[in-house]
Amino acid sequence: MATTTSKGLMNLALKAAGSSSINWYPGHMATAMRDIKERVKVVDLIIEVRDARRWSEYFEACKQDHVFVNAHSKESVKNMVRQVRTSLSEAIRKEQTLLTMVVGIPNVGKSVITNSVHRIARYNISVQEKLKKAEVGPLPGVTQQISAFKIGHTPSIYLLDTPGVLVPNISNIETGLKLALTGAFKDSVVGQERLARYLLGLLNSRRSSFHVKWKAEAEAKAFIEDPVAQLKFKKRQHQSDFKTEVRGVIASTLLDFVGNVEDEHDMEVLVDTQMKELRKLFQIPEEAGDTGWTKVSSKLLNLYRIGKLGAYTWDIVPEVAAQ
């Protein structure tokens, strides 16, 4: 995959970042990092949670231990627990109490995994107290302090759930913006409208893949002629019609666009058009003024984050030098 960024997309990134520097590393994150560094001195195993679906070959080439897990799948989580016990096998023979720590960036799913592991572990160990749950939510910063959950007995094994942290300095603007799109920061750090415009720029830069996904849905809907089949299709598609229309607006404006998305001015014109068309689709009246654009942006970002615009990975997987 190419590592260069088009001028059109970079222009949107710079405008999204604004003229003033963005504080990617708020005070509570610095406090969390200090707490993690203090606790890590007594931790036996660290589990870093990543959304890394395309990184399997890279991890294997680097001989880095890893396990792919779906926190909502019981069997998947059980497999992860087995991997944890395997990694701790030597320490299990020597120690009476072991600590594992879950770390990762904000909003990556650490607390969801912690809850799933704790819930499954309770069936295998004798625990009398009420089920303890790590607080979870769609916004970053829900976990404010380190919490311990018992996941093993003989020896006792505890899982430490930690607040999300990032590196203190993010020098690359696009890296910061892509993290913001995932919800690693509160939208107010960048601004919803600027972030939504950058998202549209990213989608436009993936012209072929976005078009193919939208076109397949549109054609499937258009070519069903049998009335009975049409009725069944409509029932099945009822919940997805709106997201299909949103994707259709973005894709159709891109397909009709005669400019060059590599050009700064042209990309901005295209994104302006898409924002206006989405505002019409979302039925946000002109009377709402500038706050209407915030509503458009909020709806678009939410659809993206819950996967309604499709599955996209913005990471560029590093190349591993031949051994």
C-alpha atoms as a PDB file:
ATOM      1  CA  MET A   1       0.000   0.000   0.000  1.00  0.00           C
ATOM      2  CA  ALA A   2       1.301   3.467  -0.816  1.00  0.00           C
ATOM      3  CA  THR A   3       2.433   5.508   2.141  1.00  0.00           C
ATOM      4  CA  THR A   4       2.068   8.913   0.514  1.00  0.00           C
ATOM      5  CA  THR A   5      -0.895  11.189   1.111  1.00  0.00           C
ATOM      6  CA  SER A   6      -2.519  13.199  -1.677  1.00  0.00           C
ATOM      7  CA  LYS A   7      -2.373  16.978  -1.479  1.00  0.00           C
ATOM      8  CA  GLY A   8      -6.174  17.065  -1.388  1.00  0.00           C
ATOM      9  CA  LEU A   9      -6.340  14.836   1.690  1.00  0.00           C
ATOM     10  CA  MET A  10      -3.405  16.520   3.417  1.00  0.00           C
ATOM     11  CA  ASN A  11      -5.079  19.906   2.926  1.00  0.00           C
ATOM     12  CA  LEU A  12      -8.180  18.603   4.725  1.00  0.00           C
ATOM     13  CA  ALA A  13      -5.984  17.196   7.476  1.00  0.00           C
ATOM     14  CA  LEU A  14      -4.277  20.536   8.028  1.00  0.00           C
ATOM     15  CA  LYS A  15      -7.615  22.345   8.089  1.00  0.00           C
ATOM     16  CA  ALA A  16      -8.985  19.773  10.524  1.00  0.00           C
ATOM     17  CA  ALA A  17      -6.034  20.316  12.816  1.00  0.00           C
ATOM     18  CA  GLY A  18      -6.591  24.077  12.715  1.00  0.00           C
ATOM     19  CA  SER A  19      -4.074  26.845  13.250  1.00  0.00           C
ATOM     20  CA  SER A  20      -3.457  26.121  16.939  1.00  0.00           C
ATOM     21  CA  SER A  21      -1.700  23.006  18.227  1.00  0.00           C
ATOM     22  CA  ILE A  22      -3.936  20.159  19.394  1.00  0.00           C
ATOM     23  CA  ASN A  23      -3.448  18.728  22.872  1.00  0.00           C
ATOM     24  CA  TRP A  24      -3.430  15.012  22.084  1.00  0.00           C
ATOM     25  CA  TYR A  25      -2.253  14.161  25.619  1.00  0.00           C
ATOM     26  CA  PRO A  26      -4.620  15.588  28.270  1.00  0.00           C
ATOM     27  CA  GLY A  27      -3.773  15.689  31.966  1.00  0.00           C
ATOM     28  CA  HIS A  28      -5.793  12.639  32.993  1.00  0.00           C
ATOM     29  CA  MET A  29      -3.847  10.569  30.458  1.00  0.00           C
ATOM     30  CA  ALA A  30      -0.544  11.678  31.951  1.00  0.00           C
ATOM     31  CA  THR A  31      -1.818  10.656  35.400  1.00  0.00           C
ATOM     32  CA  ALA A  32      -2.928   7.267  34.060  1.00  0.00           C
ATOM     33  CA  MET A  33       0.480   6.685  32.473  1.00  0.00           C
ATOM     34  CA  ARG A  34       2.222   7.381  35.790  1.00  0.00           C
ATOM     35  CA  ASP A  35      -0.087   4.900  37.561  1.00  0.00           C
ATOM     36  CA  ILE A  36       0.543   2.236  34.920  1.00  0.00           C
ATOM     37  CA  LYS A  37       4.322   2.677  35.149  1.00  0.00           C
ATOM     38  CA  GLU A  38       4.145   2.286  38.914  1.00  0.00           C
ATOM     39  CA  ARG A  39       2.011  -0.886  38.782  1.00  0.00           C
ATOM     40  CA  VAL A  40       3.900  -2.494  35.912  1.00  0.00           C
ATOM     41  CA  LYS A  41       6.844  -3.136  38.271  1.00  0.00           C
ATOM     42  CA  VAL A  42       4.874  -5.956  39.938  1.00  0.00           C
ATOM     43  CA  VAL A  43       2.968  -7.239  36.896  1.00  0.00           C
ATOM     44  CA  ASP A  44       3.695 -10.736  35.553  1.00  0.00           C
ATOM     45  CA  LEU A  45       2.101 -10.339  32.119  1.00  0.00           C
ATOM     46  CA  ILE A  46       1.017  -7.358  29.994  1.00  0.00           C
ATOM     47  CA  ILE A  47      -1.810  -7.752  27.475  1.00  0.00           C
ATOM     48  CA  GLU A  48      -1.880  -4.957  24.906  1.00  0.00           C
ATOM     49  CA  VAL A  49      -5.258  -4.654  23.181  1.00  0.00           C
ATOM     50  CA  ARG A  50      -5.161  -3.483  19.572  1.00  0.00           C
ATOM     51  CA  ASP A  51      -7.674  -3.265  16.779  1.00  0.00           C
ATOM     52  CA  ALA A  52      -5.255  -5.030  14.477  1.00  0.00           C
ATOM     53  CA  ARG A  53      -7.173  -7.239  12.074  1.00  0.00           C
ATOM     54  CA  ARG A  54      -4.652  -6.829   9.270  1.00  0.00           C
ATOM     55  CA  TRP A  55      -1.511  -7.333  11.335  1.00  0.00           C
ATOM     56  CA  SER A  56      -1.339 -11.125  11.725  1.00  0.00           C
ATOM     57  CA  GLU A  57       1.507 -11.689   9.237  1.00  0.00           C
ATOM     58  CA  TYR A  58       3.448  -8.759  10.689  1.00  0.00           C
ATOM     59  CA  PHE A  59       3.196 -10.124  14.251  1.00  0.00           C
ATOM     60  CA  GLU A  60       4.242 -13.573  13.089  1.00  0.00           C
ATOM     61  CA  ALA A  61       7.223 -12.207  11.167  1.00  0.00           C
ATOM     62  CA  CYS A  62       8.315 -10.303  14.271  1.00  0.00           C
ATOM     63  CA  LYS A  63       7.798 -13.453  16.383  1.00  0.00           C
ATOM     64  CA  GLN A  64       5.498 -11.446  18.639  1.00  0.00           C
ATOM     65  CA  ASP A  65       2.985 -13.382  20.749  1.00  0.00           C
ATOM     66  CA  HIS A  66      -0.540 -12.483  19.754  1.00  0.00           C
ATOM     67  CA  VAL A  67      -4.077 -13.816  19.807  1.00  0.00           C
ATOM     68  CA  PHE A  68      -7.069 -12.542  17.845  1.00  0.00           C
ATOM     69  CA  VAL A  69     -10.137 -12.238  20.041  1.00  0.00           C
ATOM     70  CA  ASN A  70     -13.777 -11.260  19.663  1.00  0.00           C
ATOM     71  CA  ALA A  71     -14.855  -9.999  23.082  1.00  0.00           C
ATOM     72  CA  HIS A  72     -18.471 -10.938  22.294  1.00  0.00           C
ATOM     73  CA  SER A  73     -17.622 -14.573  21.479  1.00  0.00           C
ATOM     74  CA  LYS A  74     -17.407 -16.932  24.459  1.00  0.00           C
ATOM     75  CA  GLU A  75     -15.171 -19.428  22.660  1.00  0.00           C
ATOM     76  CA  SER A  76     -12.877 -16.680  21.414  1.00  0.00           C
ATOM     77  CA  VAL A  77     -12.426 -15.289  24.920  1.00  0.00           C
ATOM     78  CA  LYS A  78     -11.849 -18.794  26.322  1.00  0.00           C
ATOM     79  CA  ASN A  79      -9.060 -19.220  23.797  1.00  0.00           C
ATOM     80  CA  MET A  80      -7.523 -15.963  24.972  1.00  0.00           C
ATOM     81  CA  VAL A  81      -7.686 -17.128  28.620  1.00  0.00           C
ATOM     82  CA  ARG A  82      -5.870 -20.331  27.624  1.00  0.00           C
ATOM     83  CA  GLN A  83      -3.181 -18.252  25.942  1.00  0.00           C
ATOM     84  CA  VAL A  84      -2.791 -16.136  29.072  1.00  0.00           C
ATOM     85  CA  ARG A  85      -2.370 -19.232  31.261  1.00  0.00           C
ATOM     86  CA  THR A  86       0.164 -20.640  28.812  1.00  0.00           C
ATOM     87  CA  SER A  87       2.179 -17.424  28.934  1.00  0.00           C
ATOM     88  CA  LEU A  88       2.065 -17.543  32.744  1.00  0.00           C
ATOM     89  CA  SER A  89       2.785 -21.282  33.017  1.00  0.00           C
ATOM     90  CA  GLU A  90       6.258 -20.894  34.509  1.00  0.00           C
ATOM     91  CA  ALA A  91       5.164 -18.226  37.001  1.00  0.00           C
ATOM     92  CA  ILE A  92       2.097 -20.308  37.959  1.00  0.00           C
ATOM     93  CA  ARG A  93       4.380 -23.046  39.283  1.00  0.00           C
ATOM     94  CA  LYS A  94       6.273 -20.592  41.493  1.00  0.00           C
ATOM     95  CA  GLU A  95       3.888 -17.856  42.680  1.00  0.00           C
ATOM     96  CA  GLN A  96       0.712 -17.832  44.750  1.00  0.00           C
ATOM     97  CA  THR A  97      -0.601 -14.571  43.289  1.00  0.00           C
ATOM     98  CA  LEU A  98      -0.129 -13.305  39.737  1.00  0.00           C
ATOM     99  CA  LEU A  99      -1.007 -10.010  38.106  1.00  0.00           C
ATOM    100  CA  THR A 100      -1.820  -9.414  34.448  1.00  0.00           C
ATOM    101  CA  MET A 101      -2.408  -5.924  33.076  1.00  0.00           C
ATOM    102  CA  VAL A 102      -4.565  -4.904  30.109  1.00  0.00           C
ATOM    103  CA  VAL A 103      -3.291  -1.793  28.307  1.00  0.00           C
ATOM    104  CA  GLY A 104      -4.120   0.025  25.079  1.00  0.00           C
ATOM    105  CA  ILE A 105      -5.243   3.275  23.519  1.00  0.00           C
ATOM    106  CA  PRO A 106      -8.571   4.837  24.581  1.00  0.00           C
ATOM    107  CA  ASN A 107     -11.771   3.224  23.311  1.00  0.00           C
ATOM    108  CA  VAL A 108     -10.055   0.151  21.866  1.00  0.00           C
ATOM    109  CA  GLY A 109     -12.113  -2.302  23.953  1.00  0.00           C
ATOM    110  CA  LYS A 110      -9.966  -3.048  27.012  1.00  0.00           C
ATOM    111  CA  SER A 111     -12.848  -2.955  29.486  1.00  0.00           C
ATOM    112  CA  VAL A 112     -15.109  -5.037  27.222  1.00  0.00           C
ATOM    113  CA  ILE A 113     -12.448  -7.748  27.064  1.00  0.00           C
ATOM    114  CA  THR A 114     -11.858  -7.486  30.820  1.00  0.00           C
ATOM    115  CA  ASN A 115     -15.565  -8.024  31.511  1.00  0.00           C
ATOM    116  CA  SER A 116     -15.733 -11.002  29.140  1.00  0.00           C
ATOM    117  CA  VAL A 117     -12.670 -12.678  30.667  1.00  0.00           C
ATOM    118  CA  HIS A 118     -13.904 -12.043  34.221  1.00  0.00           C
ATOM    119  CA  ARG A 119     -17.375 -13.402  33.438  1.00  0.00           C
ATOM    120  CA  ILE A 120     -16.001 -16.625  31.950  1.00  0.00           C
ATOM    121  CA  ALA A 121     -13.389 -17.049  34.696  1.00  0.00           C
ATOM    122  CA  ARG A 122     -16.076 -16.957  37.391  1.00  0.00           C
ATOM    123  CA  TYR A 123     -17.432 -20.283  36.160  1.00  0.00           C
ATOM    124  CA  ASN A 124     -14.047 -21.895  36.735  1.00  0.00           C
ATOM    125  CA  ILE A 125     -13.203 -20.444  40.153  1.00  0.00           C
ATOM    126  CA  SER A 126     -15.085 -20.233  43.411  1.00  0.00           C
ATOM    127  CA  VAL A 127     -16.091 -16.569  43.761  1.00  0.00           C
ATOM    128  CA  GLN A 128     -18.707 -15.588  46.307  1.00  0.00           C
ATOM    129  CA  GLU A 129     -18.926 -11.841  45.813  1.00  0.00           C
ATOM    130  CA  LYS A 130     -21.215 -10.102  43.347  1.00  0.00           C
ATOM    131  CA  LEU A 131     -20.061 -10.012  39.723  1.00  0.00           C
ATOM    132  CA  LYS A 132     -17.830  -6.994  39.243  1.00  0.00           C
ATOM    133  CA  LYS A 133     -17.942  -5.122  35.943  1.00  0.00           C
ATOM    134  CA  ALA A 134     -15.579  -2.668  34.330  1.00  0.00           C
ATOM    135  CA  GLU A 135     -17.470   0.427  33.207  1.00  0.00           C
ATOM    136  CA  VAL A 136     -17.694   0.700  29.426  1.00  0.00           C
ATOM    137  CA  GLY A 137     -19.046   3.293  26.986  1.00  0.00           C
ATOM    138  CA  PRO A 138     -18.786   4.581  23.400  1.00  0.00           C
ATOM    139  CA  LEU A 139     -16.688   7.607  24.394  1.00  0.00           C
ATOM    140  CA  PRO A 140     -13.046   7.694  25.520  1.00  0.00           C
ATOM    141  CA  GLY A 141     -12.112   8.294  29.147  1.00  0.00           C
ATOM    142  CA  VAL A 142     -14.762   6.041  30.756  1.00  0.00           C
ATOM    143  CA  THR A 143     -12.117   4.091  32.691  1.00  0.00           C
ATOM    144  CA  GLN A 144     -10.507   6.622  35.027  1.00  0.00           C
ATOM    145  CA  GLN A 145      -8.495   4.379  37.342  1.00  0.00           C
ATOM    146  CA  ILE A 146      -6.885   0.937  37.504  1.00  0.00           C
ATOM    147  CA  SER A 147      -9.262  -1.801  38.708  1.00  0.00           C
ATOM    148  CA  ALA A 148      -8.539  -5.450  39.574  1.00  0.00           C
ATOM    149  CA  PHE A 149     -10.659  -8.486  38.558  1.00  0.00           C
ATOM    150  CA  LYS A 150     -10.010 -12.027  39.755  1.00  0.00           C
ATOM    151  CA  ILE A 151      -9.742 -14.477  36.850  1.00  0.00           C
ATOM    152  CA  GLY A 152      -7.900 -17.422  38.397  1.00  0.00           C
ATOM    153  CA  HIS A 153      -7.638 -19.504  41.564  1.00  0.00           C
ATOM    154  CA  THR A 154      -4.690 -21.646  42.769  1.00  0.00           C
ATOM    155  CA  PRO A 155      -2.782 -19.563  42.125  1.00  0.00           C
ATOM    156  CA  SER A 156      -4.853 -16.392  42.328  1.00  0.00           C
ATOM    157  CA  ILE A 157      -4.659 -14.465  39.062  1.00  0.00           C
ATOM    158  CA  TYR A 158      -5.885 -10.894  38.819  1.00  0.00           C
ATOM    159  CA  LEU A 159      -6.524  -8.869  35.673  1.00  0.00           C
ATOM    160  CA  LEU A 160      -5.859  -5.137  35.944  1.00  0.00           C
ATOM    161  CA  ASP A 161      -8.040  -2.955  33.696  1.00  0.00           C
ATOM    162  CA  THR A 162      -6.353   0.375  32.937  1.00  0.00           C
ATOM    163  CA  PRO A 163      -7.358   3.755  31.484  1.00  0.00           C
ATOM    164  CA  GLY A 164      -6.543   4.284  27.815  1.00  0.00           C
ATOM    165  CA  VAL A 165      -3.247   6.028  27.103  1.00  0.00           C
ATOM    166  CA  LEU A 166      -1.338   7.299  24.069  1.00  0.00           C
ATOM    167  CA  VAL A 167       2.196   8.389  23.401  1.00  0.00           C
ATOM    168  CA  PRO A 168       2.833  11.904  24.803  1.00  0.00           C
ATOM    169  CA  ASN A 169       3.598  13.413  21.398  1.00  0.00           C
ATOM    170  CA  ILE A 170       1.808  12.692  18.107  1.00  0.00           C
ATOM    171  CA  SER A 171       3.894  14.534  15.546  1.00  0.00           C
ATOM    172  CA  ASN A 172       1.989  13.294  12.492  1.00  0.00           C
ATOM    173  CA  ILE A 173      -1.305  15.179  12.060  1.00  0.00           C
ATOM    174  CA  GLU A 174      -2.978  12.394  10.122  1.00  0.00           C
ATOM    175  CA  THR A 175      -2.103   9.809  12.759  1.00  0.00           C
ATOM    176  CA  GLY A 176      -3.828  11.955  15.359  1.00  0.00           C
ATOM    177  CA  LEU A 177      -6.889  12.517  13.166  1.00  0.00           C
ATOM    178  CA  LYS A 178      -7.265   8.804  12.367  1.00  0.00           C
ATOM    179  CA  LEU A 179      -7.093   8.038  16.092  1.00  0.00           C
ATOM    180  CA  ALA A 180      -9.733  10.720  16.675  1.00  0.00           C
ATOM    181  CA  LEU A 181     -11.990   9.044  14.089  1.00  0.00           C
ATOM    182  CA  THR A 182     -11.873   5.807  16.106  1.00  0.00           C
ATOM    183  CA  GLY A 183     -12.996   7.691  19.217  1.00  0.00           C
ATOM    184  CA  ALA A 184      -9.602   7.681  20.920  1.00  0.00           C
ATOM    185  CA  PHE A 185     -10.164  11.364  21.739  1.00  0.00           C
ATOM    186  CA  LYS A 186     -13.264  13.341  22.510  1.00  0.00           C
ATOM    187  CA  ASP A 187     -14.561  14.984  19.321  1.00  0.00           C
ATOM    188  CA  SER A 188     -14.186  18.381  20.957  1.00  0.00           C
ATOM    189  CA  VAL A 189     -10.390  18.000  20.751  1.00  0.00           C
ATOM    190  CA  VAL A 190     -10.544  18.459  16.961  1.00  0.00           C
ATOM    191  CA  GLY A 191     -14.133  19.579  16.354  1.00  0.00           C
ATOM    192  CA  GLN A 192     -16.866  17.396  14.884  1.00  0.00           C
ATOM    193  CA  GLU A 193     -17.264  19.234  11.590  1.00  0.00           C
ATOM    194  CA  ARG A 194     -13.558  19.298  10.837  1.00  0.00           C
ATOM    195  CA  LEU A 195     -13.294  15.617  11.751  1.00  0.00           C
ATOM    196  CA  ALA A 196     -16.300  14.661   9.603  1.00  0.00           C
ATOM    197  CA  ARG A 197     -14.854  16.527   6.617  1.00  0.00           C
ATOM    198  CA  TYR A 198     -11.570  14.672   7.056  1.00  0.00           C
ATOM    199  CA  LEU A 199     -13.489  11.361   7.168  1.00  0.00           C
ATOM    200  CA  LEU A 200     -15.151  12.198   3.851  1.00  0.00           C
ATOM    201  CA  GLY A 201     -11.729  12.978   2.439  1.00  0.00           C
ATOM    202  CA  LEU A 202     -10.459   9.565   3.534  1.00  0.00           C
ATOM    203  CA  LEU A 203     -13.457   7.819   2.001  1.00  0.00           C
ATOM    204  CA  ASN A 204     -12.974   9.755  -1.236  1.00  0.00           C
ATOM    205  CA  SER A 205      -9.325   8.700  -1.306  1.00  0.00           C
ATOM    206  CA  ARG A 206     -10.521   5.060  -1.156  1.00  0.00           C
ATOM    207  CA  ARG A 207     -12.630   5.706  -4.252  1.00  0.00           C
ATOM    208  CA  SER A 208     -12.662   2.200  -5.726  1.00  0.00           C
ATOM    209  CA  SER A 209     -13.413   0.173  -2.579  1.00  0.00           C
ATOM    210  CA  PHE A 210     -16.150   2.519  -1.363  1.00  0.00           C
ATOM    211  CA  HIS A 211     -17.811   2.588  -4.788  1.00  0.00           C
ATOM    212  CA  VAL A 212     -17.787  -1.208  -5.102  1.00  0.00           C
ATOM    213  CA  LYS A 213     -19.395  -1.703  -1.673  1.00  0.00           C
ATOM    214  CA  TRP A 214     -22.121   0.835  -2.347  1.00  0.00           C
ATOM    215  CA  LYS A 215     -22.782  -0.309  -5.916  1.00  0.00           C
ATOM    216  CA  ALA A 216     -23.241  -3.945  -4.840  1.00  0.00           C
ATOM    217  CA  GLU A 217     -25.937  -2.921  -2.346  1.00  0.00           C
ATOM    218  CA  ALA A 218     -27.685  -0.604  -4.813  1.00  0.00           C
ATOM    219  CA  GLU A 219     -27.732  -3.204  -7.605  1.00  0.00           C
ATOM    220  CA  ALA A 220     -28.998  -5.951  -5.291  1.00  0.00           C
ATOM    221  CA  LYS A 221     -31.909  -3.713  -4.362  1.00  0.00           C
ATOM    222  CA  ALA A 222     -32.634  -2.594  -7.931  1.00  0.00           C
ATOM    223  CA  PHE A 223     -32.599  -6.021  -9.617  1.00  0.00           C
ATOM    224  CA  ILE A 224     -35.121  -7.791  -7.420  1.00  0.00           C
ATOM    225  CA  GLU A 225     -38.279  -7.738  -9.548  1.00  0.00           C
ATOM    226  CA  ASP A 226     -40.380 -10.511  -8.031  1.00  0.00           C
ATOM    227  CA  PRO A 227     -43.015  -8.838  -5.751  1.00  0.00           C
ATOM    228  CA  VAL A 228     -42.735 -11.530  -3.045  1.00  0.00           C
ATOM    229  CA  ALA A 229     -38.961 -11.423  -3.091  1.00  0.00           C
ATOM    230  CA  GLN A 230     -39.107  -7.628  -3.093  1.00  0.00           C
ATOM    231  CA  LEU A 231     -41.268  -7.674   0.049  1.00  0.00           C
ATOM    232  CA  LYS A 232     -38.894 -10.043   1.848  1.00  0.00           C
ATOM    233  CA  PHE A 233     -35.941  -7.945   0.742  1.00  0.00           C
ATOM    234  CA  LYS A 234     -37.548  -4.756   2.044  1.00  0.00           C
ATOM    235  CA  LYS A 235     -38.207  -6.330   5.432  1.00  0.00           C
ATOM    236  CA  ARG A 236     -34.619  -7.544   5.635  1.00  0.00           C
ATOM    237  CA  GLN A 237     -33.258  -4.214   4.489  1.00  0.00           C
ATOM    238  CA  HIS A 238     -35.519  -2.025   6.638  1.00  0.00           C
ATOM    239  CA  GLN A 239     -32.835  -1.351   9.231  1.00  0.00           C
ATOM    240  CA  SER A 240     -30.084  -0.852   6.649  1.00  0.00           C
ATOM    241  CA  ASP A 241     -31.914   1.420   4.179  1.00  0.00           C
ATOM    242  CA  PHE A 242     -30.763   4.602   5.876  1.00  0.00           C
ATOM    243  CA  LYS A 243     -27.092   3.659   5.982  1.00  0.00           C
ATOM    244  CA  THR A 244     -27.369   2.535   2.352  1.00  0.00           C
ATOM    245  CA  GLU A 245     -28.735   5.961   1.425  1.00  0.00           C
ATOM    246  CA  VAL A 246     -25.893   7.682   3.274  1.00  0.00           C
ATOM    247  CA  ARG A 247     -23.299   5.561   1.519  1.00  0.00           C
ATOM    248  CA  GLY A 248     -25.153   6.146  -1.733  1.00  0.00           C
ATOM    249  CA  VAL A 249     -24.976   9.937  -1.324  1.00  0.00           C
ATOM    250  CA  ILE A 250     -21.226   9.816  -0.656  1.00  0.00           C
ATOM    251  CA  ALA A 251     -20.506   7.380  -3.486  1.00  0.00           C
ATOM    252  CA  SER A 252     -22.764   9.011  -6.095  1.00  0.00           C
ATOM    253  CA  THR A 253     -21.348  12.507  -5.485  1.00  0.00           C
ATOM    254  CA  LEU A 254     -17.875  11.026  -5.810  1.00  0.00           C
ATOM    255  CA  LEU A 255     -18.739   9.214  -9.042  1.00  0.00           C
ATOM    256  CA  ASP A 256     -20.346  12.322 -10.536  1.00  0.00           C
ATOM    257  CA  PHE A 257     -17.407  14.512  -9.565  1.00  0.00           C
ATOM    258  CA  VAL A 258     -15.355  15.667 -12.555  1.00  0.00           C
ATOM    259  CA  GLY A 259     -12.493  17.151 -10.575  1.00  0.00           C
ATOM    260  CA  ASN A 260      -9.304  15.583  -9.245  1.00  0.00           C
ATOM    261  CA  VAL A 261      -9.382  14.336  -5.636  1.00  0.00           C
ATOM    262  CA  GLU A 262      -5.596  14.646  -5.568  1.00  0.00           C
ATOM    263  CA  ASP A 263      -5.986  18.427  -5.917  1.00  0.00           C
ATOM    264  CA  GLU A 264      -6.447  20.521  -2.756  1.00  0.00           C
ATOM    265  CA  HIS A 265      -9.170  22.795  -4.127  1.00  0.00           C
ATOM    266  CA  ASP A 266     -11.067  20.021  -5.922  1.00  0.00           C
ATOM    267  CA  MET A 267     -11.145  17.768  -2.869  1.00  0.00           C
ATOM    268  CA  GLU A 268     -12.523  20.618  -0.775  1.00  0.00           C
ATOM    269  CA  VAL A 269     -15.245  21.335  -3.358  1.00  0.00           C
ATOM    270  CA  LEU A 270     -16.233  17.653  -3.371  1.00  0.00           C
ATOM    271  CA  VAL A 271     -16.433  17.479   0.431  1.00  0.00           C
ATOM    272  CA  ASP A 272     -18.520  20.682   0.487  1.00  0.00           C
ATOM    273  CA  THR A 273     -20.967  19.063  -1.943  1.00  0.00           C
ATOM    274  CA  GLN A 274     -21.153  15.869   0.098  1.00  0.00           C
ATOM    275  CA  MET A 275     -21.811  17.760   3.326  1.00  0.00           C
ATOM    276  CA  LYS A 276     -24.671  19.668   1.659  1.00  0.00           C
ATOM    277  CA  GLU A 277     -26.208  16.480   0.257  1.00  0.00           C
ATOM    278  CA  LEU A 278     -25.940  14.730   3.610  1.00  0.00           C
ATOM    279  CA  ARG A 279     -27.623  17.679   5.292  1.00  0.00           C
ATOM    280  CA  LYS A 280     -30.569  17.248   2.917  1.00  0.00           C
ATOM    281  CA  LEU A 281     -30.683  13.510   3.577  1.00  0.00           C
ATOM    282  CA  PHE A 282     -30.589  14.023   7.350  1.00  0.00           C
ATOM    283  CA  GLN A 283     -33.384  16.601   6.934  1.00  0.00           C
ATOM    284  CA  ILE A 284     -31.567  19.283   8.882  1.00  0.00           C
ATOM    285  CA  PRO A 285     -33.150  22.635   7.887  1.00  0.00           C
ATOM    286  CA  GLU A 286     -31.198  25.701   6.814  1.00  0.00           C
ATOM    287  CA  GLU A 287     -32.796  27.547   9.722  1.00  0.00           C
ATOM    288  CA  ALA A 288     -30.561  25.534  12.048  1.00  0.00           C
ATOM    289  CA  GLY A 289     -27.635  27.591  10.783  1.00  0.00           C
ATOM    290  CA  ASP A 290     -24.091  26.498  11.587  1.00  0.00           C
ATOM    291  CA  THR A 291     -25.300  24.167  14.345  1.00  0.00           C
ATOM    292  CA  GLY A 292     -26.863  22.143  11.539  1.00  0.00           C
ATOM    293  CA  TRP A 293     -23.398  21.240  10.261  1.00  0.00           C
ATOM    294  CA  THR A 294     -22.504  19.973  13.721  1.00  0.00           C
ATOM    295  CA  LYS A 295     -25.561  17.711  13.616  1.00  0.00           C
ATOM    296  CA  VAL A 296     -24.625  16.437  10.153  1.00  0.00           C
ATOM    297  CA  SER A 297     -21.101  15.740  11.368  1.00  0.00           C
ATOM    298  CA  SER A 298     -22.279  13.975  14.518  1.00  0.00           C
ATOM    299  CA  LYS A 299     -24.596  11.668  12.560  1.00  0.00           C
ATOM    300  CA  LEU A 300     -21.925  10.856   9.981  1.00  0.00           C
ATOM    301  CA  LEU A 301     -19.241  10.108  12.591  1.00  0.00           C
ATOM    302  CA  ASN A 302     -21.630   7.895  14.534  1.00  0.00           C
ATOM    303  CA  LEU A 303     -22.540   5.876  11.427  1.00  0.00           C
ATOM    304  CA  TYR A 304     -18.862   5.382  10.686  1.00  0.00           C
ATOM    305  CA  ARG A 305     -17.986   4.304  14.232  1.00  0.00           C
ATOM    306  CA  ILE A 306     -20.729   1.699  14.480  1.00  0.00           C
ATOM    307  CA  GLY A 307     -19.670   0.221  11.145  1.00  0.00           C
ATOM    308  CA  LYS A 308     -22.612   1.361   9.014  1.00  0.00           C
ATOM    309  CA  LEU A 309     -20.393   2.949   6.368  1.00  0.00           C
ATOM    310  CA  GLY A 310     -18.375  -0.245   5.936  1.00  0.00           C
ATOM    311  CA  ALA A 311     -15.258  -1.740   7.502  1.00  0.00           C
ATOM    312  CA  TYR A 312     -12.130   0.305   6.929  1.00  0.00           C
ATOM    313  CA  THR A 313      -8.597   0.031   8.258  1.00  0.00           C
ATOM    314  CA  TRP A 314      -6.597   3.223   7.908  1.00  0.00           C
ATOM    315  CA  ASP A 315      -3.357   1.689   9.227  1.00  0.00           C
ATOM    316  CA  ILE A 316      -0.472   1.028   6.914  1.00  0.00           C
ATOM    317  CA  VAL A 317       1.101  -2.226   8.063  1.00  0.00           C
ATOM    318  CA  PRO A 318       4.906  -1.836   8.304  1.00  0.00           C
ATOM    319  CA  GLU A 319       7.011  -3.970   6.024  1.00  0.00           C
ATOM    320  CA  VAL A 320       9.154  -6.512   7.823  1.00  0.00           C
ATOM    321  CA  ALA A 321      12.716  -6.798   6.585  1.00  0.00           C
ATOM    322  CA  ALA A 322      13.581 -10.235   5.257  1.00  0.00           C
ATOM    323  CA  GLN A 323      15.361 -12.340   7.854  1.00  0.00           C
END
